């Protein structure tokens, strides 16, 4: 999700489409939260690690 968020941010910035930029920010933040929860040892979606 982190990679998808970064790709959407880049595409939104280059094309000037603000909705893609906004979706990229949201996906990136969700990916970072899931990554942080997974690295702290919390089970995320039934998995101990989120990759």
N, C-alpha and C. Protein backbone atom coordinates (compact mmCIF):
# COMPACT_ATOMS: atom_id res chain seq x y z
N UNK A 1 0.81 -1.19 0.00
CA UNK A 1 0.00 0.00 0.00
C UNK A 1 0.86 1.26 0.00
N UNK A 2 2.01 1.16 0.61
CA UNK A 2 2.90 2.32 0.66
C UNK A 2 3.38 2.65 -0.75
N UNK A 3 3.76 1.64 -1.50
CA UNK A 3 4.24 1.87 -2.87
C UNK A 3 3.11 2.41 -3.74
N UNK A 4 1.91 1.86 -3.59
CA UNK A 4 0.77 2.34 -4.35
C UNK A 4 0.48 3.81 -4.02
N UNK A 5 0.57 4.17 -2.75
CA UNK A 5 0.36 5.56 -2.35
C UNK A 5 1.37 6.50 -2.97
N UNK A 6 2.63 6.08 -2.99
CA UNK A 6 3.68 6.92 -3.58
C UNK A 6 3.47 7.06 -5.08
N UNK A 7 3.10 5.98 -5.74
CA UNK A 7 2.85 6.03 -7.19
C UNK A 7 1.68 6.97 -7.49
N UNK A 8 0.61 6.88 -6.70
CA UNK A 8 -0.53 7.77 -6.92
C UNK A 8 -0.16 9.22 -6.66
N UNK A 9 0.68 9.47 -5.66
CA UNK A 9 1.14 10.84 -5.40
C UNK A 9 1.91 11.39 -6.59
N UNK A 10 2.80 10.59 -7.14
CA UNK A 10 3.61 11.04 -8.27
C UNK A 10 2.73 11.28 -9.50
N UNK A 11 1.83 10.34 -9.78
CA UNK A 11 0.94 10.49 -10.94
C UNK A 11 0.04 11.71 -10.77
N UNK A 12 -0.51 11.89 -9.58
CA UNK A 12 -1.36 13.04 -9.33
C UNK A 12 -0.62 14.35 -9.44
N UNK A 13 0.63 14.37 -9.00
CA UNK A 13 1.43 15.59 -9.09
C UNK A 13 1.78 15.92 -10.54
N UNK A 14 2.16 14.90 -11.30
CA UNK A 14 2.57 15.12 -12.68
C UNK A 14 1.41 15.49 -13.59
N UNK A 15 0.25 14.90 -13.35
CA UNK A 15 -0.90 15.18 -14.22
C UNK A 15 -1.74 16.34 -13.74
N UNK A 16 -1.59 16.73 -12.48
CA UNK A 16 -2.36 17.83 -11.95
C UNK A 16 -3.77 17.46 -11.54
N UNK A 17 -4.04 16.15 -11.41
CA UNK A 17 -5.36 15.69 -11.00
C UNK A 17 -5.38 15.61 -9.47
N UNK A 18 -6.16 16.47 -8.85
CA UNK A 18 -6.11 16.57 -7.40
C UNK A 18 -6.72 15.37 -6.68
N UNK A 19 -7.72 14.70 -7.29
CA UNK A 19 -8.34 13.55 -6.63
C UNK A 19 -7.35 12.40 -6.52
N UNK A 20 -6.50 12.22 -7.53
CA UNK A 20 -5.48 11.16 -7.49
C UNK A 20 -4.45 11.49 -6.41
N UNK A 21 -4.10 12.76 -6.29
CA UNK A 21 -3.16 13.22 -5.25
C UNK A 21 -3.74 12.92 -3.86
N UNK A 22 -5.04 13.23 -3.66
CA UNK A 22 -5.69 13.00 -2.37
C UNK A 22 -5.78 11.52 -2.04
N UNK A 23 -6.16 10.71 -3.01
CA UNK A 23 -6.24 9.26 -2.79
C UNK A 23 -4.85 8.71 -2.47
N UNK A 24 -3.83 9.23 -3.13
CA UNK A 24 -2.46 8.79 -2.85
C UNK A 24 -2.04 9.09 -1.43
N UNK A 25 -2.40 10.26 -0.93
CA UNK A 25 -2.08 10.61 0.46
C UNK A 25 -2.79 9.67 1.43
N UNK A 26 -4.08 9.40 1.17
CA UNK A 26 -4.86 8.53 2.05
C UNK A 26 -4.29 7.11 2.06
N UNK A 27 -3.99 6.57 0.89
CA UNK A 27 -3.44 5.21 0.79
C UNK A 27 -2.07 5.14 1.46
N UNK A 28 -1.26 6.16 1.29
CA UNK A 28 0.07 6.19 1.90
C UNK A 28 -0.04 6.21 3.42
N UNK A 29 -0.93 7.01 3.97
CA UNK A 29 -1.10 7.08 5.42
C UNK A 29 -1.61 5.75 5.98
N UNK A 30 -2.57 5.14 5.29
CA UNK A 30 -3.08 3.83 5.74
C UNK A 30 -1.97 2.79 5.70
N UNK A 31 -1.17 2.79 4.65
CA UNK A 31 -0.05 1.85 4.55
C UNK A 31 0.97 2.05 5.65
N UNK A 32 1.27 3.31 5.98
CA UNK A 32 2.23 3.58 7.06
C UNK A 32 1.68 3.16 8.42
N UNK A 33 0.39 3.37 8.66
CA UNK A 33 -0.22 2.94 9.93
C UNK A 33 -0.19 1.43 10.04
N UNK A 34 -0.55 0.73 8.98
CA UNK A 34 -0.51 -0.74 9.02
C UNK A 34 0.91 -1.25 9.20
N UNK A 35 1.87 -0.60 8.56
CA UNK A 35 3.27 -1.00 8.71
C UNK A 35 3.73 -0.80 10.15
N UNK A 36 3.36 0.33 10.75
CA UNK A 36 3.76 0.61 12.13
C UNK A 36 3.13 -0.39 13.09
N UNK A 37 1.85 -0.69 12.89
CA UNK A 37 1.19 -1.66 13.77
C UNK A 37 1.82 -3.05 13.62
N UNK A 38 2.15 -3.42 12.40
CA UNK A 38 2.76 -4.74 12.17
C UNK A 38 4.15 -4.84 12.75
N UNK A 39 4.92 -3.75 12.70
CA UNK A 39 6.28 -3.83 13.24
C UNK A 39 6.30 -3.74 14.76
N UNK A 40 5.22 -3.29 15.38
CA UNK A 40 5.15 -3.27 16.84
C UNK A 40 4.72 -4.62 17.41
N UNK A 41 4.42 -5.57 16.54
CA UNK A 41 4.05 -6.90 17.00
C UNK A 41 2.55 -7.12 17.10
N UNK A 42 1.77 -6.12 16.77
CA UNK A 42 0.32 -6.29 16.79
C UNK A 42 -0.12 -7.08 15.56
N UNK A 43 -1.09 -7.93 15.76
CA UNK A 43 -1.62 -8.69 14.62
C UNK A 43 -2.52 -7.78 13.79
N UNK A 44 -2.22 -7.66 12.52
CA UNK A 44 -3.00 -6.82 11.61
C UNK A 44 -3.65 -7.75 10.60
N UNK A 45 -4.97 -7.82 10.62
CA UNK A 45 -5.69 -8.67 9.68
C UNK A 45 -5.36 -10.14 9.85
N UNK A 46 -5.10 -10.55 11.07
CA UNK A 46 -4.78 -11.94 11.34
C UNK A 46 -3.33 -12.30 11.10
N UNK A 47 -2.49 -11.33 10.73
CA UNK A 47 -1.08 -11.58 10.49
C UNK A 47 -0.24 -10.87 11.53
N UNK A 48 0.83 -11.48 11.93
CA UNK A 48 1.71 -10.87 12.91
C UNK A 48 2.53 -9.75 12.29
N UNK A 49 2.89 -9.89 10.99
CA UNK A 49 3.67 -8.87 10.29
C UNK A 49 2.90 -8.44 9.06
N UNK A 50 2.96 -7.16 8.74
CA UNK A 50 2.32 -6.63 7.54
C UNK A 50 3.40 -6.18 6.58
N UNK A 51 3.49 -6.84 5.44
CA UNK A 51 4.50 -6.49 4.45
C UNK A 51 3.82 -6.03 3.19
